[in-house]
Amino acid sequence: MEIYELIFVQLVSKFEEIRDTMKKGIDQLGDDELNYRPNYESNTIVNLVVHIEGNIYQRIGTGIHGHEDIRSRDNEFSRELYVSKDELINRIDKSFKLLIESVKELQNEDLLRTIEVRGKAKTIYEILQQCASHYSEHLGQILYLAKICLGSSYNTTSIYKKTF
């Protein structure tokens, strides 16, 4: 397998894993739990998912495809934001579809193409690696909030721990 092919396969696999794990955690929750905020300064699961969605549309839609940047980052963290579970799952599916299909369409030379992000030149490869890391960090927050809401009824999305 060529190195470029390996990179594309790894990126697609990572983004699919993030999407699928996020949905496994979210599937266990109701609308009120998805919109639960532990304290005034904390985000809800909805805030985190909408933030990831905004980042995908900005980095991939605008950055790679040249679409108009319509992102309103501050609104992603609004305390008034309330989204139903069905709508949230739809938003995850739609945004990750754009992300994954975009990676699959890239050509080898695209990985080293640079675009400007926050005033700095970044390669597409750097942006995709940063996205994978960024979304993984928020995925951890989403799963932790799910565990807070569900306590012992939370079904793990990974390896079950041994009970002694």
Protein backbone atom coordinates (compact mmCIF):
# COMPACT_ATOMS: atom_id res chain seq x y z
CA MET A 1 0.00 0.00 0.00
CA GLU A 2 1.33 3.41 -0.99
CA ILE A 3 1.91 5.91 1.85
CA TYR A 4 -0.72 8.34 0.52
CA GLU A 5 -3.31 5.56 0.32
CA LEU A 6 -2.47 4.56 3.88
CA ILE A 7 -2.93 8.14 5.07
CA PHE A 8 -6.34 8.45 3.40
CA VAL A 9 -7.50 5.08 4.77
CA GLN A 10 -6.34 6.01 8.28
CA LEU A 11 -8.05 9.40 8.22
CA VAL A 12 -11.34 8.00 6.95
CA SER A 13 -11.20 5.24 9.56
CA LYS A 14 -10.53 7.74 12.37
CA PHE A 15 -13.37 10.05 11.34
CA GLU A 16 -15.77 7.10 11.03
CA GLU A 17 -14.71 5.89 14.47
CA ILE A 18 -15.28 9.33 16.02
CA ARG A 19 -18.70 9.63 14.36
CA ASP A 20 -19.82 6.13 15.33
CA THR A 21 -18.62 6.38 18.93
CA MET A 22 -20.26 9.78 19.33
CA LYS A 23 -23.56 8.35 18.10
CA LYS A 24 -23.29 5.33 20.44
CA GLY A 25 -23.04 7.67 23.41
CA ILE A 26 -25.76 10.00 22.18
CA ASP A 27 -28.16 7.15 21.36
CA GLN A 28 -28.37 6.37 25.09
CA LEU A 29 -29.65 9.84 25.98
CA GLY A 30 -32.86 11.82 25.72
CA ASP A 31 -33.30 15.39 24.55
CA ASP A 32 -33.00 16.91 28.03
CA GLU A 33 -29.83 14.95 28.80
CA LEU A 34 -28.26 16.02 25.51
CA ASN A 35 -28.97 19.61 26.45
CA TYR A 36 -27.86 19.19 30.10
CA ARG A 37 -25.27 21.67 31.38
CA PRO A 38 -23.47 20.62 34.60
CA ASN A 39 -22.83 24.26 35.51
CA TYR A 40 -23.03 27.71 34.00
CA GLU A 41 -19.55 27.58 32.45
CA SER A 42 -19.87 24.08 30.97
CA ASN A 43 -21.05 23.06 27.52
CA THR A 44 -23.83 20.65 26.73
CA ILE A 45 -23.41 17.67 24.43
CA VAL A 46 -25.44 19.65 21.91
CA ASN A 47 -22.98 22.58 22.15
CA LEU A 48 -20.05 20.24 21.54
CA VAL A 49 -21.64 18.50 18.54
CA VAL A 50 -22.74 21.80 16.99
CA HIS A 51 -19.21 23.10 17.52
CA ILE A 52 -17.72 20.08 15.73
CA GLU A 53 -20.26 20.57 12.93
CA GLY A 54 -19.28 24.25 12.58
CA ASN A 55 -15.61 23.33 12.51
CA ILE A 56 -16.19 20.72 9.79
CA TYR A 57 -18.11 23.16 7.61
CA GLN A 58 -15.46 25.84 8.09
CA ARG A 59 -12.33 23.70 7.71
CA ILE A 60 -13.63 21.37 5.01
CA GLY A 61 -16.48 23.22 3.31
CA THR A 62 -14.85 26.63 3.31
CA GLY A 63 -11.16 25.71 3.60
CA ILE A 64 -10.92 22.81 1.16
CA HIS A 65 -13.94 23.34 -1.10
CA GLY A 66 -14.05 27.15 -1.09
CA HIS A 67 -17.66 27.48 0.10
CA GLU A 68 -18.74 30.72 1.73
CA ASP A 69 -17.84 30.85 5.43
CA ILE A 70 -21.11 31.26 7.31
CA ARG A 71 -19.91 29.91 10.64
CA SER A 72 -20.94 31.68 13.82
CA ARG A 73 -18.63 30.09 16.39
CA ASP A 74 -20.07 31.99 19.35
CA ASN A 75 -23.57 30.66 18.60
CA GLU A 76 -22.25 27.09 18.83
CA PHE A 77 -21.74 27.65 22.56
CA SER A 78 -25.00 29.53 23.23
CA ARG A 79 -26.65 28.69 26.54
CA GLU A 80 -30.03 29.01 24.80
CA LEU A 81 -29.23 26.34 22.18
CA TYR A 82 -31.59 23.36 22.48
CA VAL A 83 -31.55 20.62 19.84
CA SER A 84 -33.52 17.36 19.76
CA LYS A 85 -31.79 14.00 19.60
CA ASP A 86 -33.11 13.29 16.08
CA GLU A 87 -31.88 16.62 14.76
CA LEU A 88 -28.52 16.15 16.48
CA ILE A 89 -27.99 12.71 14.91
CA ASN A 90 -28.96 14.17 11.53
CA ARG A 91 -26.43 16.98 11.97
CA ILE A 92 -23.69 14.49 12.88
CA ASP A 93 -24.49 12.32 9.85
CA LYS A 94 -24.59 15.27 7.45
CA SER A 95 -21.40 16.99 8.64
CA PHE A 96 -19.35 13.79 8.92
CA LYS A 97 -20.57 12.73 5.47
CA LEU A 98 -19.07 15.93 4.06
CA LEU A 99 -15.84 15.32 5.99
CA ILE A 100 -15.42 11.65 5.06
CA GLU A 101 -16.43 12.04 1.41
CA SER A 102 -14.06 15.01 1.10
CA VAL A 103 -11.15 12.94 2.40
CA LYS A 104 -12.03 10.12 -0.01
CA GLU A 105 -12.03 12.57 -2.95
CA LEU A 106 -8.62 14.06 -2.18
CA GLN A 107 -5.71 13.34 -4.46
CA ASN A 108 -2.17 12.68 -3.23
CA GLU A 109 -0.99 16.19 -4.12
CA ASP A 110 -3.87 17.74 -2.16
CA LEU A 111 -2.33 16.69 1.15
CA LEU A 112 0.49 19.20 0.74
CA ARG A 113 -1.71 21.99 -0.67
CA THR A 114 -1.85 24.92 1.75
CA ILE A 115 -4.79 27.02 2.81
CA GLU A 116 -5.01 29.80 5.34
CA VAL A 117 -6.45 29.00 8.77
CA ARG A 118 -6.62 31.84 11.31
CA GLY A 119 -4.01 33.77 9.39
CA LYS A 120 -1.54 30.88 9.10
CA ALA A 121 -0.74 28.67 6.12
CA LYS A 122 -1.54 25.01 6.85
CA THR A 123 -1.39 21.96 4.64
CA ILE A 124 -4.57 19.96 4.10
CA TYR A 125 -2.81 17.09 5.87
CA GLU A 126 -2.13 19.29 8.94
CA ILE A 127 -5.73 20.46 8.97
CA LEU A 128 -7.12 16.92 8.80
CA GLN A 129 -4.80 15.71 11.57
CA GLN A 130 -5.78 18.70 13.69
CA CYS A 131 -9.47 17.95 13.04
CA ALA A 132 -9.03 14.32 14.13
CA SER A 133 -7.36 15.44 17.35
CA HIS A 134 -9.87 18.24 18.00
CA TYR A 135 -12.92 16.03 17.46
CA SER A 136 -11.41 13.27 19.62
CA GLU A 137 -10.99 15.74 22.49
CA HIS A 138 -14.63 16.80 22.23
CA LEU A 139 -15.73 13.18 21.86
CA GLY A 140 -14.18 12.51 25.28
CA GLN A 141 -16.17 15.41 26.73
CA ILE A 142 -19.37 14.12 25.12
CA LEU A 143 -18.90 10.63 26.54
CA TYR A 144 -18.04 12.00 29.97
CA LEU A 145 -21.23 14.08 30.00
CA ALA A 146 -23.19 10.98 28.94
CA LYS A 147 -21.67 9.08 31.89
CA ILE A 148 -22.57 11.91 34.26
CA CYS A 149 -26.17 11.83 33.03
CA LEU A 150 -26.58 8.06 33.04
CA GLY A 151 -24.37 6.91 35.91
CA SER A 152 -24.25 3.13 36.19
CA SER A 153 -26.77 2.69 33.34
CA TYR A 154 -24.25 4.09 30.83
CA ASN A 155 -23.21 1.45 28.28
CA THR A 156 -19.56 1.87 27.42
CA THR A 157 -18.67 2.63 23.81
CA SER A 158 -15.32 0.86 24.08
CA ILE A 159 -13.80 -1.98 26.13
CA TYR A 160 -15.72 -2.98 29.23
CA LYS A 161 -13.75 -2.73 32.44
CA LYS A 162 -13.31 -5.80 34.59
CA THR A 163 -15.31 -5.99 37.75
CA PHE A 164 -13.60 -7.42 40.81
